[in-house]
PDB file of N, CA and C in Angstrom:
ATOM      1  N   MET A   1       1.399  -0.885   0.418  1.00  0.00           N
ATOM      2  CA  MET A   1       0.320   0.065   0.157  1.00  0.00           C
ATOM      3  C   MET A   1       0.530   1.310  -0.446  1.00  0.00           C
ATOM      4  N   ASN A   2       0.335   1.974  -1.357  1.00  0.00           N
ATOM      5  CA  ASN A   2       1.117   3.497  -0.539  1.00  0.00           C
ATOM      6  C   ASN A   2       1.077   5.171   0.180  1.00  0.00           C
ATOM      7  N   ASN A   3       1.534   4.777   0.939  1.00  0.00           N
ATOM      8  CA  ASN A   3       0.099   5.540   1.986  1.00  0.00           C
ATOM      9  C   ASN A   3      -0.114   7.366   1.743  1.00  0.00           C
ATOM     10  N   HIS A   4       1.623   8.012   0.956  1.00  0.00           N
ATOM     11  CA  HIS A   4       1.020   8.715   0.115  1.00  0.00           C
ATOM     12  C   HIS A   4       0.365   9.492  -1.072  1.00  0.00           C
ATOM     13  N   GLY A   5       0.372   7.553  -2.569  1.00  0.00           N
ATOM     14  CA  GLY A   5      -1.129   8.202  -2.873  1.00  0.00           C
ATOM     15  C   GLY A   5      -2.251   8.219  -3.302  1.00  0.00           C
ATOM     16  N   ALA A   6      -2.717   8.570  -4.285  1.00  0.00           N
ATOM     17  CA  ALA A   6      -3.974   8.596  -4.266  1.00  0.00           C
ATOM     18  C   ALA A   6      -4.688   6.976  -5.060  1.00  0.00           C
ATOM     19  N   LEU A   7      -6.458   6.894  -4.679  1.00  0.00           N
ATOM     20  CA  LEU A   7      -6.271   5.538  -5.600  1.00  0.00           C
ATOM     21  C   LEU A   7      -5.076   4.896  -6.781  1.00  0.00           C
ATOM     22  N   ARG A   8      -5.511   5.660  -7.354  1.00  0.00           N
ATOM     23  CA  ARG A   8      -4.956   5.388  -8.699  1.00  0.00           C
ATOM     24  C   ARG A   8      -4.145   4.812  -8.457  1.00  0.00           C
ATOM     25  N   VAL A   9      -2.951   5.604  -7.763  1.00  0.00           N
ATOM     26  CA  VAL A   9      -1.252   3.966  -7.906  1.00  0.00           C
ATOM     27  C   VAL A   9      -1.377   2.893  -7.318  1.00  0.00           C
ATOM     28  N   GLN A  10      -2.654   2.721  -6.179  1.00  0.00           N
ATOM     29  CA  GLN A  10      -2.763   1.949  -5.302  1.00  0.00           C
ATOM     30  C   GLN A  10      -2.553   0.348  -6.530  1.00  0.00           C
ATOM     31  N   ASN A  11      -2.558  -0.833  -5.406  1.00  0.00           N
ATOM     32  CA  ASN A  11      -2.699  -2.390  -6.463  1.00  0.00           C
ATOM     33  C   ASN A  11      -4.130  -2.757  -6.772  1.00  0.00           C
ATOM     34  N   LEU A  12      -4.156  -3.993  -7.962  1.00  0.00           N
ATOM     35  CA  LEU A  12      -5.238  -3.690  -8.413  1.00  0.00           C
ATOM     36  C   LEU A  12      -6.282  -4.159  -6.878  1.00  0.00           C
ATOM     37  N   TYR A  13      -5.780  -4.734  -6.260  1.00  0.00           N
ATOM     38  CA  TYR A  13      -6.778  -5.452  -4.835  1.00  0.00           C
ATOM     39  C   TYR A  13      -7.442  -4.278  -4.316  1.00  0.00           C
ATOM     40  N   LEU A  14      -6.267  -3.134  -3.883  1.00  0.00           N
ATOM     41  CA  LEU A  14      -6.575  -2.337  -2.872  1.00  0.00           C
ATOM     42  C   LEU A  14      -7.894  -1.364  -4.181  1.00  0.00           C
ATOM     43  N   ARG A  15      -7.794  -1.116  -5.429  1.00  0.00           N
ATOM     44  CA  ARG A  15      -8.575  -0.235  -6.245  1.00  0.00           C
ATOM     45  C   ARG A  15     -10.035  -1.374  -6.199  1.00  0.00           C
ATOM     46  N   MET A  16      -9.916  -2.604  -6.233  1.00  0.00           N
ATOM     47  CA  MET A  16     -10.790  -3.654  -6.495  1.00  0.00           C
ATOM     48  C   MET A  16     -12.555  -2.883  -5.073  1.00  0.00           C
ATOM     49  N   VAL A  17     -11.343  -3.100  -4.219  1.00  0.00           N
ATOM     50  CA  VAL A  17     -12.159  -2.938  -2.531  1.00  0.00           C
ATOM     51  C   VAL A  17     -12.286  -1.839  -2.524  1.00  0.00           C
ATOM     52  N   CYS A  18     -12.158  -0.994  -2.703  1.00  0.00           N
ATOM     53  CA  CYS A  18     -12.465   0.270  -3.333  1.00  0.00           C
ATOM     54  C   CYS A  18     -13.427   1.317  -4.375  1.00  0.00           C
ATOM     55  N   ARG A  19     -13.546   0.054  -5.027  1.00  0.00           N
ATOM     56  CA  ARG A  19     -14.811   0.202  -6.081  1.00  0.00           C
ATOM     57  C   ARG A  19     -15.598  -0.341  -5.290  1.00  0.00           C
ATOM     58  N   ASP A  20     -15.820  -1.330  -4.957  1.00  0.00           N
ATOM     59  CA  ASP A  20     -16.614  -1.909  -4.485  1.00  0.00           C
ATOM     60  C   ASP A  20     -17.914  -1.277  -2.997  1.00  0.00           C
ATOM     61  N   ALA A  21     -16.473  -0.835  -2.302  1.00  0.00           N
ATOM     62  CA  ALA A  21     -17.045  -0.220  -1.457  1.00  0.00           C
ATOM     63  C   ALA A  21     -17.702   0.902  -1.102  1.00  0.00           C
ATOM     64  N   ILE A  22     -17.454   1.793  -2.854  1.00  0.00           N
ATOM     65  CA  ILE A  22     -18.644   2.880  -3.175  1.00  0.00           C
ATOM     66  C   ILE A  22     -19.950   2.568  -3.582  1.00  0.00           C
ATOM     67  N   LYS A  23     -19.703   1.301  -3.957  1.00  0.00           N
ATOM     68  CA  LYS A  23     -20.854   1.259  -4.691  1.00  0.00           C
ATOM     69  C   LYS A  23     -21.970   0.916  -3.095  1.00  0.00           C
ATOM     70  N   ILE A  24     -21.368   0.500  -2.641  1.00  0.00           N
ATOM     71  CA  ILE A  24     -21.944  -0.010  -1.016  1.00  0.00           C
ATOM     72  C   ILE A  24     -22.312   1.017  -0.176  1.00  0.00           C
ATOM     73  N   VAL A  25     -21.369   2.121  -0.279  1.00  0.00           N
ATOM     74  CA  VAL A  25     -22.112   3.773   0.281  1.00  0.00           C
ATOM     75  C   VAL A  25     -22.921   4.100  -0.872  1.00  0.00           C
ATOM     76  N   GLU A  26     -22.793   4.357  -1.513  1.00  0.00           N
ATOM     77  CA  GLU A  26     -23.878   5.149  -2.697  1.00  0.00           C
ATOM     78  C   GLU A  26     -25.639   4.200  -2.081  1.00  0.00           C
ATOM     79  N   LYS A  27     -25.001   3.047  -2.387  1.00  0.00           N
ATOM     80  CA  LYS A  27     -26.036   2.399  -1.808  1.00  0.00           C
ATOM     81  C   LYS A  27     -26.834   2.843  -0.540  1.00  0.00           C
ATOM     82  N   THR A  28     -26.226   2.657   0.824  1.00  0.00           N
ATOM     83  CA  THR A  28     -26.983   2.571   1.144  1.00  0.00           C
ATOM     84  C   THR A  28     -27.247   3.826   1.784  1.00  0.00           C
ATOM     85  N   LEU A  29     -26.039   4.884   1.567  1.00  0.00           N
ATOM     86  CA  LEU A  29     -27.006   5.716   2.333  1.00  0.00           C
ATOM     87  C   LEU A  29     -28.466   6.257   1.601  1.00  0.00           C
ATOM     88  N   VAL A  30     -28.065   6.039   0.281  1.00  0.00           N
ATOM     89  CA  VAL A  30     -29.667   6.077  -0.511  1.00  0.00           C
ATOM     90  C   VAL A  30     -30.597   5.313   0.729  1.00  0.00           C
ATOM     91  N   THR A  31     -30.809   4.432   0.301  1.00  0.00           N
ATOM     92  CA  THR A  31     -31.957   3.369   1.250  1.00  0.00           C
ATOM     93  C   THR A  31     -32.208   2.896   2.469  1.00  0.00           C
ATOM     94  N   GLU A  32     -30.786   3.616   3.375  1.00  0.00           N
ATOM     95  CA  GLU A  32     -30.234   1.998   5.057  1.00  0.00           C
ATOM     96  C   GLU A  32     -30.487   3.690   5.665  1.00  0.00           C
ATOM     97  N   HIS A  33     -29.257   4.580   5.560  1.00  0.00           N
ATOM     98  CA  HIS A  33     -29.678   5.662   6.290  1.00  0.00           C
ATOM     99  C   HIS A  33     -29.029   6.822   6.072  1.00  0.00           C
ATOM    100  N   ALA A  34     -28.935   8.167   5.787  1.00  0.00           N
ATOM    101  CA  ALA A  34     -28.050   9.259   5.413  1.00  0.00           C
ATOM    102  C   ALA A  34     -27.053   9.432   5.914  1.00  0.00           C
ATOM    103  N   TRP A  35     -27.147   9.556   7.478  1.00  0.00           N
ATOM    104  CA  TRP A  35     -25.938   9.612   7.293  1.00  0.00           C
ATOM    105  C   TRP A  35     -25.619   8.937   8.910  1.00  0.00           C
ATOM    106  N   PRO A  36     -25.069   7.914   9.038  1.00  0.00           N
ATOM    107  CA  PRO A  36     -24.206   7.442  10.024  1.00  0.00           C
ATOM    108  C   PRO A  36     -23.912   7.761  11.174  1.00  0.00           C
ATOM    109  N   GLU A  37     -24.782   7.712  13.053  1.00  0.00           N
ATOM    110  CA  GLU A  37     -23.598   7.860  14.132  1.00  0.00           C
ATOM    111  C   GLU A  37     -22.496   8.484  14.047  1.00  0.00           C
ATOM    112  N   LEU A  38     -21.928   9.384  14.344  1.00  0.00           N
ATOM    113  CA  LEU A  38     -21.035   9.614  14.540  1.00  0.00           C
ATOM    114  C   LEU A  38     -19.715   8.208  15.132  1.00  0.00           C
ATOM    115  N   HIS A  39     -20.549   8.383  16.264  1.00  0.00           N
ATOM    116  CA  HIS A  39     -19.971   7.324  16.863  1.00  0.00           C
ATOM    117  C   HIS A  39     -19.911   6.112  16.826  1.00  0.00           C
ATOM    118  N   ARG A  40     -20.302   5.424  15.660  1.00  0.00           N
ATOM    119  CA  ARG A  40     -20.141   4.565  14.737  1.00  0.00           C
ATOM    120  C   ARG A  40     -19.611   4.122  13.324  1.00  0.00           C
ATOM    121  N   ALA A  41     -19.009   5.552  13.513  1.00  0.00           N
ATOM    122  CA  ALA A  41     -18.843   5.655  11.857  1.00  0.00           C
ATOM    123  C   ALA A  41     -17.361   4.844  12.177  1.00  0.00           C
ATOM    124  N   ALA A  42     -16.561   4.796  12.500  1.00  0.00           N
ATOM    125  CA  ALA A  42     -15.144   3.428  12.795  1.00  0.00           C
ATOM    126  C   ALA A  42     -15.883   2.881  12.296  1.00  0.00           C
ATOM    127  N   ALA A  43     -16.851   1.718  12.936  1.00  0.00           N
ATOM    128  CA  ALA A  43     -17.591   0.224  12.888  1.00  0.00           C
ATOM    129  C   ALA A  43     -18.544   0.382  11.130  1.00  0.00           C
ATOM    130  N   TYR A  44     -18.645   1.429  10.499  1.00  0.00           N
ATOM    131  CA  TYR A  44     -19.129   1.292   8.848  1.00  0.00           C
ATOM    132  C   TYR A  44     -18.381   0.842   8.117  1.00  0.00           C
ATOM    133  N   LYS A  45     -17.385   1.878   8.886  1.00  0.00           N
ATOM    134  CA  LYS A  45     -16.389   1.367   7.174  1.00  0.00           C
ATOM    135  C   LYS A  45     -15.658   0.481   7.943  1.00  0.00           C
ATOM    136  N   ARG A  46     -15.164  -0.173   8.761  1.00  0.00           N
ATOM    137  CA  ARG A  46     -15.377  -1.407   8.116  1.00  0.00           C
ATOM    138  C   ARG A  46     -16.113  -2.594   8.246  1.00  0.00           C
ATOM    139  N   GLN A  47     -17.450  -2.366   7.422  1.00  0.00           N
ATOM    140  CA  GLN A  47     -18.192  -3.388   8.132  1.00  0.00           C
ATOM    141  C   GLN A  47     -18.493  -2.980   6.487  1.00  0.00           C
ATOM    142  N   VAL A  48     -18.579  -1.676   5.848  1.00  0.00           N
ATOM    143  CA  VAL A  48     -18.324  -1.667   4.047  1.00  0.00           C
ATOM    144  C   VAL A  48     -16.965  -2.181   3.741  1.00  0.00           C
ATOM    145  N   LEU A  49     -15.873  -1.587   4.413  1.00  0.00           N
ATOM    146  CA  LEU A  49     -15.286  -2.791   3.500  1.00  0.00           C
ATOM    147  C   LEU A  49     -14.628  -4.108   3.385  1.00  0.00           C
ATOM    148  N   LEU A  50     -15.146  -4.820   4.150  1.00  0.00           N
ATOM    149  CA  LEU A  50     -15.150  -6.031   5.076  1.00  0.00           C
ATOM    150  C   LEU A  50     -16.179  -6.739   3.718  1.00  0.00           C
ATOM    151  N   ASP A  51     -17.878  -5.567   3.881  1.00  0.00           N
ATOM    152  CA  ASP A  51     -18.859  -6.625   2.597  1.00  0.00           C
ATOM    153  C   ASP A  51     -18.171  -6.415   1.470  1.00  0.00           C
ATOM    154  N   ALA A  52     -17.549  -5.052   0.434  1.00  0.00           N
ATOM    155  CA  ALA A  52     -17.213  -5.086  -0.908  1.00  0.00           C
ATOM    156  C   ALA A  52     -15.905  -6.405  -0.723  1.00  0.00           C
ATOM    157  N   VAL A  53     -15.483  -6.481   0.063  1.00  0.00           N
ATOM    158  CA  VAL A  53     -14.056  -7.559  -0.089  1.00  0.00           C
ATOM    159  C   VAL A  53     -14.483  -8.803  -0.240  1.00  0.00           C
ATOM    160  N   LYS A  54     -15.031  -9.259   0.853  1.00  0.00           N
ATOM    161  CA  LYS A  54     -16.411 -10.641   0.195  1.00  0.00           C
ATOM    162  C   LYS A  54     -16.438 -11.496  -0.216  1.00  0.00           C
ATOM    163  N   PRO A  55     -16.590 -10.645  -1.015  1.00  0.00           N
ATOM    164  CA  PRO A  55     -17.313 -11.502  -3.199  1.00  0.00           C
ATOM    165  C   PRO A  55     -16.095 -11.880  -3.271  1.00  0.00           C
ATOM    166  N   LEU A  56     -14.866 -10.831  -3.090  1.00  0.00           N
ATOM    167  CA  LEU A  56     -14.164 -10.645  -3.692  1.00  0.00           C
ATOM    168  C   LEU A  56     -12.651 -11.565  -3.493  1.00  0.00           C
ATOM    169  N   VAL A  57     -12.830 -12.189  -2.521  1.00  0.00           N
ATOM    170  CA  VAL A  57     -12.348 -13.335  -1.551  1.00  0.00           C
ATOM    171  C   VAL A  57     -12.581 -14.363  -2.137  1.00  0.00           C
ATOM    172  N   GLY A  58     -13.417 -14.777  -3.022  1.00  0.00           N
ATOM    173  CA  GLY A  58     -13.998 -16.169  -3.472  1.00  0.00           C
ATOM    174  C   GLY A  58     -13.056 -16.155  -5.279  1.00  0.00           C
ATOM    175  N   ARG A  59     -13.161 -14.955  -5.851  1.00  0.00           N
ATOM    176  CA  ARG A  59     -12.411 -15.344  -6.719  1.00  0.00           C
ATOM    177  C   ARG A  59     -11.034 -15.700  -7.406  1.00  0.00           C
ATOM    178  N   ASP A  60     -10.734 -14.517  -5.294  1.00  0.00           N
ATOM    179  CA  ASP A  60      -8.286 -14.412  -5.928  1.00  0.00           C
ATOM    180  C   ASP A  60      -8.555 -15.241  -4.714  1.00  0.00           C
ATOM    181  N   LYS A  61      -8.199 -15.410  -3.876  1.00  0.00           N
ATOM    182  CA  LYS A  61      -8.104 -16.030  -2.569  1.00  0.00           C
ATOM    183  C   LYS A  61      -6.934 -15.287  -1.871  1.00  0.00           C
ATOM    184  N   LEU A  62      -5.820 -14.145  -2.865  1.00  0.00           N
ATOM    185  CA  LEU A  62      -5.611 -12.822  -2.373  1.00  0.00           C
ATOM    186  C   LEU A  62      -5.687 -12.435  -1.311  1.00  0.00           C
ATOM    187  N   TYR A  63      -7.398 -11.519  -2.067  1.00  0.00           N
ATOM    188  CA  TYR A  63      -7.900 -11.054  -1.538  1.00  0.00           C
ATOM    189  C   TYR A  63      -8.112 -10.752   0.402  1.00  0.00           C
ATOM    190  N   LYS A  64      -8.256 -12.292   0.154  1.00  0.00           N
ATOM    191  CA  LYS A  64      -7.516 -13.009   2.484  1.00  0.00           C
ATOM    192  C   LYS A  64      -7.368 -11.841   2.704  1.00  0.00           C
ATOM    193  N   ASP A  65      -5.838 -11.499   2.103  1.00  0.00           N
ATOM    194  CA  ASP A  65      -5.112 -11.221   2.860  1.00  0.00           C
ATOM    195  C   ASP A  65      -5.809  -9.318   3.564  1.00  0.00           C
ATOM    196  N   VAL A  66      -6.631  -9.232   2.509  1.00  0.00           N
ATOM    197  CA  VAL A  66      -6.635  -7.517   2.322  1.00  0.00           C
ATOM    198  C   VAL A  66      -8.202  -7.678   4.002  1.00  0.00           C
ATOM    199  N   GLN A  67      -8.401  -8.515   3.792  1.00  0.00           N
ATOM    200  CA  GLN A  67      -9.842  -8.565   4.297  1.00  0.00           C
ATOM    201  C   GLN A  67      -9.456  -9.443   6.187  1.00  0.00           C
ATOM    202  N   LYS A  68      -8.736  -9.677   5.534  1.00  0.00           N
ATOM    203  CA  LYS A  68      -7.190  -9.364   7.238  1.00  0.00           C
ATOM    204  C   LYS A  68      -6.839  -8.627   7.839  1.00  0.00           C
ATOM    205  N   ARG A  69      -6.169  -7.887   6.439  1.00  0.00           N
ATOM    206  CA  ARG A  69      -6.121  -6.340   7.019  1.00  0.00           C
ATOM    207  C   ARG A  69      -6.626  -5.168   7.927  1.00  0.00           C
ATOM    208  N   ILE A  70      -8.036  -5.479   6.851  1.00  0.00           N
ATOM    209  CA  ILE A  70      -9.328  -4.645   6.870  1.00  0.00           C
ATOM    210  C   ILE A  70     -10.157  -5.127   8.740  1.00  0.00           C
ATOM    211  N   THR A  71      -9.879  -6.980   8.681  1.00  0.00           N
ATOM    212  CA  THR A  71     -10.221  -6.739  10.286  1.00  0.00           C
ATOM    213  C   THR A  71      -9.307  -6.999  11.941  1.00  0.00           C
ATOM    214  N   ARG A  72      -8.404  -6.611  11.213  1.00  0.00           N
ATOM    215  CA  ARG A  72      -7.671  -5.823  12.429  1.00  0.00           C
ATOM    216  C   ARG A  72      -6.701  -4.509  12.255  1.00  0.00           C
ATOM    217  N   ASP A  73      -6.496  -3.750  11.620  1.00  0.00           N
ATOM    218  CA  ASP A  73      -5.492  -2.883  10.998  1.00  0.00           C
ATOM    219  C   ASP A  73      -6.345  -1.362  10.969  1.00  0.00           C
ATOM    220  N   ASP A  74      -6.902  -0.663  11.783  1.00  0.00           N
ATOM    221  CA  ASP A  74      -7.626   0.489  11.924  1.00  0.00           C
ATOM    222  C   ASP A  74      -7.379   2.044  10.569  1.00  0.00           C
ATOM    223  N   ASP A  75      -5.867   1.751  11.586  1.00  0.00           N
ATOM    224  CA  ASP A  75      -4.681   2.553  10.142  1.00  0.00           C
ATOM    225  C   ASP A  75      -5.753   2.394   9.086  1.00  0.00           C
ATOM    226  N   PHE A  76      -5.259   0.815   7.797  1.00  0.00           N
ATOM    227  CA  PHE A  76      -5.021   0.936   6.961  1.00  0.00           C
ATOM    228  C   PHE A  76      -7.010   1.126   6.692  1.00  0.00           C
ATOM    229  N   VAL A  77      -8.039   1.232   7.194  1.00  0.00           N
ATOM    230  CA  VAL A  77      -9.342   1.521   6.767  1.00  0.00           C
ATOM    231  C   VAL A  77      -9.386   2.316   6.706  1.00  0.00           C
ATOM    232  N   LYS A  78      -8.443   3.568   7.513  1.00  0.00           N
ATOM    233  CA  LYS A  78      -8.956   4.557   8.054  1.00  0.00           C
ATOM    234  C   LYS A  78      -8.497   4.948   6.310  1.00  0.00           C
ATOM    235  N   VAL A  79      -7.247   5.130   5.726  1.00  0.00           N
ATOM    236  CA  VAL A  79      -6.908   5.473   5.182  1.00  0.00           C
ATOM    237  C   VAL A  79      -7.420   5.314   4.053  1.00  0.00           C
ATOM    238  N   ILE A  80      -8.224   3.455   3.183  1.00  0.00           N
ATOM    239  CA  ILE A  80      -8.937   2.960   2.830  1.00  0.00           C
ATOM    240  C   ILE A  80     -10.321   3.686   2.896  1.00  0.00           C
ATOM    241  N   SER A  81     -11.015   3.479   3.909  1.00  0.00           N
ATOM    242  CA  SER A  81     -12.001   4.699   3.886  1.00  0.00           C
ATOM    243  C   SER A  81     -12.051   6.299   2.411  1.00  0.00           C
ATOM    244  N   LYS A  82     -10.803   6.674   3.655  1.00  0.00           N
ATOM    245  CA  LYS A  82     -10.197   7.954   2.309  1.00  0.00           C
ATOM    246  C   LYS A  82     -10.620   8.178   1.636  1.00  0.00           C
ATOM    247  N   TRP A  83      -9.258   7.255   0.849  1.00  0.00           N
ATOM    248  CA  TRP A  83     -10.187   6.278  -0.990  1.00  0.00           C
ATOM    249  C   TRP A  83     -11.988   6.968  -1.765  1.00  0.00           C
ATOM    250  N   VAL A  84     -12.910   6.058  -0.519  1.00  0.00           N
ATOM    251  CA  VAL A  84     -14.071   5.616  -0.644  1.00  0.00           C
ATOM    252  C   VAL A  84     -15.073   7.639  -1.180  1.00  0.00           C
ATOM    253  N   ARG A  85     -14.862   8.153   0.569  1.00  0.00           N
ATOM    254  CA  ARG A  85     -14.320   8.680   0.786  1.00  0.00           C
ATOM    255  C   ARG A  85     -14.544   9.718  -0.675  1.00  0.00           C
ATOM    256  N   ILE A  86     -13.800  10.307  -0.931  1.00  0.00           N
ATOM    257  CA  ILE A  86     -13.194  10.896  -1.707  1.00  0.00           C
ATOM    258  C   ILE A  86     -14.002  10.359  -3.415  1.00  0.00           C
ATOM    259  N   SER A  87     -13.964   9.687  -3.187  1.00  0.00           N
ATOM    260  CA  SER A  87     -13.605   9.367  -4.121  1.00  0.00           C
ATOM    261  C   SER A  87     -15.415   9.904  -4.806  1.00  0.00           C
ATOM    262  N   ILE A  88     -16.742   8.831  -4.065  1.00  0.00           N
ATOM    263  CA  ILE A  88     -17.652   9.656  -3.690  1.00  0.00           C
ATOM    264  C   ILE A  88     -18.058  10.715  -3.962  1.00  0.00           C
ATOM    265  N   ASN A  89     -17.267  11.897  -3.643  1.00  0.00           N
ATOM    266  CA  ASN A  89     -17.568  12.942  -3.028  1.00  0.00           C
ATOM    267  C   ASN A  89     -16.588  13.454  -4.364  1.00  0.00           C
ATOM    268  N   MET A  90     -16.067  13.176  -5.186  1.00  0.00           N
ATOM    269  CA  MET A  90     -15.959  13.756  -6.789  1.00  0.00           C
ATOM    270  C   MET A  90     -17.229  13.349  -7.814  1.00  0.00           C
ATOM    271  N   THR A  91     -17.897  12.112  -7.176  1.00  0.00           N
ATOM    272  CA  THR A  91     -18.653  11.691  -7.823  1.00  0.00           C
ATOM    273  C   THR A  91     -20.063  13.005  -8.046  1.00  0.00           C
ATOM    274  N   ILE A  92     -20.783  12.760  -6.082  1.00  0.00           N
ATOM    275  CA  ILE A  92     -21.863  13.821  -6.040  1.00  0.00           C
ATOM    276  C   ILE A  92     -21.197  14.784  -6.849  1.00  0.00           C
ATOM    277  N   ARG A  93     -20.372  15.707  -6.663  1.00  0.00           N
ATOM    278  CA  ARG A  93     -20.287  16.958  -7.478  1.00  0.00           C
ATOM    279  C   ARG A  93     -19.441  17.063  -8.986  1.00  0.00           C
ATOM    280  N   LEU A  94     -19.502  16.078  -9.638  1.00  0.00           N
ATOM    281  CA  LEU A  94     -20.024  16.311 -11.580  1.00  0.00           C
ATOM    282  C   LEU A  94     -20.987  15.878 -11.556  1.00  0.00           C
ATOM    283  N   ARG A  95     -22.093  14.844 -10.279  1.00  0.00           N
ATOM    284  CA  ARG A  95     -23.547  14.672 -10.582  1.00  0.00           C
ATOM    285  C   ARG A  95     -24.349  16.540 -10.458  1.00  0.00           C
ATOM    286  N   CYS A  96     -23.867  16.977  -9.533  1.00  0.00           N
ATOM    287  CA  CYS A  96     -24.173  17.937  -9.956  1.00  0.00           C
ATOM    288  C   CYS A  96     -23.753  19.235 -10.032  1.00  0.00           C
ATOM    289  N   CYS A  97     -22.952  19.530 -10.549  1.00  0.00           N
ATOM    290  CA  CYS A  97     -23.310  20.238 -11.579  1.00  0.00           C
ATOM    291  C   CYS A  97     -22.426  20.324 -13.577  1.00  0.00           C
TER     292      CYS A  97
END
């Protein structure tokens, strides 16, 4: 993982997890809860990333390592969820303008 780079310079595995996490967030923000409680934000981010990586594990076993890291590494979750948030914000801006 390149901590200093944008999502586009990350490896394929991280980009795929982020792409699927973006889809999950966009769907759940509209259909389930528009504003997850702030005290649950970290748990929500981790759960979205785990939901995104789960189907990918079935396609390629290397995603299992990403899944384990999401489960254990708070800093990893923070960085990946930041990329997801930035991508969603960019999408929203493009749709609004």
